[in-house]
C-alpha cells in the first residue's frame, strides 16, 4: 500500500512493528487495518499510518462547539438535553446526551431551572466540557438558549411578544431562557 491509496474498512495497511496506528486505523494481532473508508496517509517521519475519511463521517462535539438539542427533562439542578446536531452541520449525532447545569443557564442567578427550560423545548447551547458523560453544555451567552418552546398546557409553539412567551391558543404566558434567535428559524 502507498500513501494516497483509497482504502475500505478492514483493509490491511501494514505491520504494527513498522507503523503506529493513527487516526482512522486500528491494530489487531500485530497488523494495522483501516477503520473507515478513506485515503491512506503514511507519515514516514512519525512512522504512523492514518486514514483520512472520504465519506460524510458523524461529527463529534468539541469544547466551544454550538449544538442544537431537545430538552428531555428538567431536574432540580440541571436540564437534560438530547443533542441533535452541531450548528451548521445537517448530520444528526447518535445517542449524544448533555446537561445544562443551573449555574450555566444564564449570566444572572437562577433560582429555579424549570423557569428557564421545559421538556420538549429546542435549545441552542455551547459545549463546555466533553470529558464527562453526559457532556456539559451552557446557555449563558445572549444568542444561546431556547429557540423554540411549547406551551406547557396545550403543547402549541409559543410566540415571543414584547419579551414574553405567549401561547397563541390559550394565551398562557411562560418564562424561558430564550436565545436572541428565538422564533426566527436560524438554526
Protein backbone atom coordinates (compact mmCIF):
# COMPACT_ATOMS: atom_id res chain seq x y z
CA UNK A 1 0.00 0.00 0.00
CA UNK A 2 1.14 3.51 -0.77
CA UNK A 3 0.20 6.94 0.51
CA UNK A 4 -2.92 8.38 -1.20
CA UNK A 5 -4.34 4.90 -1.94
CA UNK A 6 -8.11 4.59 -1.48
CA UNK A 7 -8.92 2.08 1.29
CA UNK A 8 -12.02 0.45 2.74
CA UNK A 9 -12.72 -0.60 6.36
CA UNK A 10 -10.79 -3.74 7.23
CA UNK A 11 -8.06 -3.23 4.61
CA UNK A 12 -4.69 -4.40 5.92
CA UNK A 13 -2.33 -1.42 5.84
CA UNK A 14 0.89 -2.65 7.43
CA UNK A 15 2.52 -4.21 10.45
CA UNK A 16 2.48 -2.74 13.95
CA UNK A 17 6.23 -3.39 14.15
CA UNK A 18 6.76 -0.86 11.34
CA UNK A 19 3.98 1.70 11.88
CA UNK A 20 1.90 3.08 14.72
CA UNK A 21 -1.85 3.04 14.08
CA UNK A 22 -3.10 6.63 13.73
CA UNK A 23 -6.49 8.25 13.27
CA UNK A 24 -8.88 6.11 11.21
CA UNK A 25 -6.93 2.89 11.84
CA UNK A 26 -6.68 0.15 14.44
CA UNK A 27 -4.28 -2.62 15.37
CA UNK A 28 -5.25 -6.27 15.59
CA UNK A 29 -2.87 -9.18 16.10
CA UNK A 30 0.19 -7.17 15.09
CA UNK A 31 -1.31 -5.71 11.92
CA UNK A 32 -2.72 -2.24 11.23
CA UNK A 33 -6.11 -2.03 9.48
CA UNK A 34 -8.29 0.73 8.12
CA UNK A 35 -11.24 1.58 10.37
CA UNK A 36 -13.02 3.65 7.70
CA UNK A 37 -13.36 4.40 4.02
CA UNK A 38 -10.77 6.97 3.06
CA UNK A 39 -7.36 7.92 1.76
CA UNK A 40 -4.25 6.27 3.19
CA UNK A 41 -1.58 8.62 4.53
CA UNK A 42 1.77 7.25 5.62
CA UNK A 43 3.89 9.51 7.83
CA UNK A 44 7.42 8.12 7.47
CA UNK A 45 8.89 10.66 9.92
CA UNK A 46 6.47 9.70 12.72
CA UNK A 47 6.19 6.09 11.47
CA UNK A 48 2.41 6.36 11.63
CA UNK A 49 -0.42 5.21 9.34
CA UNK A 50 -3.50 7.42 9.07
CA UNK A 51 -6.72 7.10 7.07
CA UNK A 52 -8.37 10.41 6.20
CA UNK A 53 -12.14 9.96 5.80
CA UNK A 54 -13.65 10.18 2.32
CA UNK A 55 -17.22 9.78 3.49
CA UNK A 56 -19.50 12.03 5.48
CA UNK A 57 -18.49 10.88 8.96
CA UNK A 58 -20.50 11.54 12.11
CA UNK A 59 -19.20 14.73 13.76
CA UNK A 60 -18.03 14.68 17.35
CA UNK A 61 -18.79 17.65 19.62
CA UNK A 62 -15.75 19.59 20.83
CA UNK A 63 -15.47 22.23 23.55
CA UNK A 64 -16.71 25.53 22.12
CA UNK A 65 -19.00 23.96 19.50
CA UNK A 66 -22.57 25.21 19.32
CA UNK A 67 -25.17 22.42 19.33
CA UNK A 68 -28.89 22.15 18.75
CA UNK A 69 -30.79 19.86 21.10
CA UNK A 70 -34.11 18.99 22.66
CA UNK A 71 -34.77 19.31 26.39
CA UNK A 72 -35.74 15.82 27.55
CA UNK A 73 -36.19 16.52 31.25
CA UNK A 74 -35.61 19.19 33.86
CA UNK A 75 -34.21 18.12 37.24
CA UNK A 76 -33.62 20.26 40.33
CA UNK A 77 -30.09 21.39 39.31
CA UNK A 78 -29.91 20.75 35.55
CA UNK A 79 -31.70 20.22 32.27
CA UNK A 80 -31.14 17.00 30.32
CA UNK A 81 -30.62 17.57 26.58
CA UNK A 82 -30.68 15.16 23.65
CA UNK A 83 -28.03 16.75 21.43
CA UNK A 84 -29.35 16.51 17.88
CA UNK A 85 -26.60 18.08 15.80
CA UNK A 86 -23.77 20.59 15.61
CA UNK A 87 -24.79 24.05 14.39
CA UNK A 88 -24.10 24.28 10.66
CA UNK A 89 -23.87 20.51 10.19
CA UNK A 90 -27.04 18.75 9.00
CA UNK A 91 -25.90 15.29 10.14
CA UNK A 92 -27.54 14.05 13.35
CA UNK A 93 -25.43 12.92 16.29
CA UNK A 94 -26.34 9.45 17.50
CA UNK A 95 -27.12 8.94 21.20
CA UNK A 96 -25.49 12.14 22.47
CA UNK A 97 -26.80 13.41 25.80
CA UNK A 98 -25.80 16.64 27.52
CA UNK A 99 -26.74 18.55 30.63
CA UNK A 100 -27.11 22.25 31.31
CA UNK A 101 -26.27 22.88 34.96
CA UNK A 102 -28.26 25.62 36.71
CA UNK A 103 -25.04 27.68 37.04
CA UNK A 104 -24.56 27.62 33.25
CA UNK A 105 -28.13 28.51 32.27
CA UNK A 106 -27.68 32.29 32.17
CA UNK A 107 -25.36 35.02 33.41
CA UNK A 108 -27.59 36.06 36.32
CA UNK A 109 -28.69 34.00 39.32
CA UNK A 110 -31.17 31.22 38.56
CA UNK A 111 -33.29 30.09 41.50
CA UNK A 112 -35.45 27.57 39.62
CA UNK A 113 -34.13 25.97 36.43
CA UNK A 114 -37.66 24.96 35.42
CA UNK A 115 -38.28 28.68 34.77
CA UNK A 116 -35.53 28.59 32.11
CA UNK A 117 -36.17 25.25 30.35
CA UNK A 118 -39.07 22.85 29.85
CA UNK A 119 -39.32 19.35 28.38
CA UNK A 120 -39.76 19.43 24.60
CA UNK A 121 -38.08 22.82 24.11
CA UNK A 122 -35.46 23.17 21.37
CA UNK A 123 -32.23 24.70 22.66
CA UNK A 124 -29.06 26.18 21.18
CA UNK A 125 -26.15 25.62 23.59
CA UNK A 126 -22.37 25.70 23.75
CA UNK A 127 -20.30 22.60 24.59
CA UNK A 128 -18.45 23.40 27.82
CA UNK A 129 -16.90 20.04 28.75
CA UNK A 130 -16.66 16.72 26.89
CA UNK A 131 -14.60 14.78 29.46
CA UNK A 132 -17.70 13.79 31.42
CA UNK A 133 -20.66 11.77 30.33
CA UNK A 134 -23.10 13.28 29.68
CA UNK A 135 -21.30 16.24 28.10
CA UNK A 136 -21.69 19.65 29.79
CA UNK A 137 -23.48 22.45 27.96
CA UNK A 138 -24.09 26.12 28.67
CA UNK A 139 -26.50 28.83 27.51
CA UNK A 140 -25.05 31.90 29.22
CA UNK A 141 -24.43 33.97 26.06
CA UNK A 142 -27.24 36.12 24.61
CA UNK A 143 -27.50 34.12 21.35
CA UNK A 144 -27.81 30.83 23.28
CA UNK A 145 -30.89 29.38 24.94
CA UNK A 146 -34.31 28.21 23.86
CA UNK A 147 -35.00 28.76 20.16
CA UNK A 148 -38.44 27.11 20.16
CA UNK A 149 -40.69 26.46 23.14
CA UNK A 150 -44.06 24.81 23.57
CA UNK A 151 -46.97 25.69 25.82
CA UNK A 152 -47.00 23.54 28.95
CA UNK A 153 -50.83 23.46 28.83
CA UNK A 154 -51.68 22.78 25.16
CA UNK A 155 -48.30 21.96 23.55
CA UNK A 156 -48.60 24.71 20.88
CA UNK A 157 -45.44 26.60 19.84
CA UNK A 158 -45.06 29.74 21.95
CA UNK A 159 -44.68 33.12 20.25
CA UNK A 160 -42.37 35.85 21.50
CA UNK A 161 -44.40 39.02 22.22
CA UNK A 162 -42.82 42.03 23.93
CA UNK A 163 -40.14 39.89 25.56
CA UNK A 164 -42.66 37.31 26.86
CA UNK A 165 -43.54 33.87 25.52
CA UNK A 166 -47.25 33.67 24.85
CA UNK A 167 -49.38 30.76 23.64
CA UNK A 168 -51.49 31.76 20.62
CA UNK A 169 -54.05 29.13 21.60
CA UNK A 170 -54.69 29.57 25.33
CA UNK A 171 -52.90 32.93 25.95
CA UNK A 172 -50.73 31.38 28.66
CA UNK A 173 -47.55 33.38 29.43
CA UNK A 174 -44.41 31.34 30.15
CA UNK A 175 -40.81 32.06 31.09
CA UNK A 176 -37.69 30.63 29.42
CA UNK A 177 -34.02 31.50 28.88
CA UNK A 178 -34.57 32.46 25.23
CA UNK A 179 -31.89 32.84 22.62
CA UNK A 180 -31.75 36.14 20.75
CA UNK A 181 -32.56 33.89 17.74
CA UNK A 182 -35.87 32.70 19.25
CA UNK A 183 -38.52 32.15 16.61
CA UNK A 184 -36.60 33.23 13.50
CA UNK A 185 -35.73 29.70 12.38
CA UNK A 186 -31.98 30.38 12.38
CA UNK A 187 -30.62 27.01 13.38
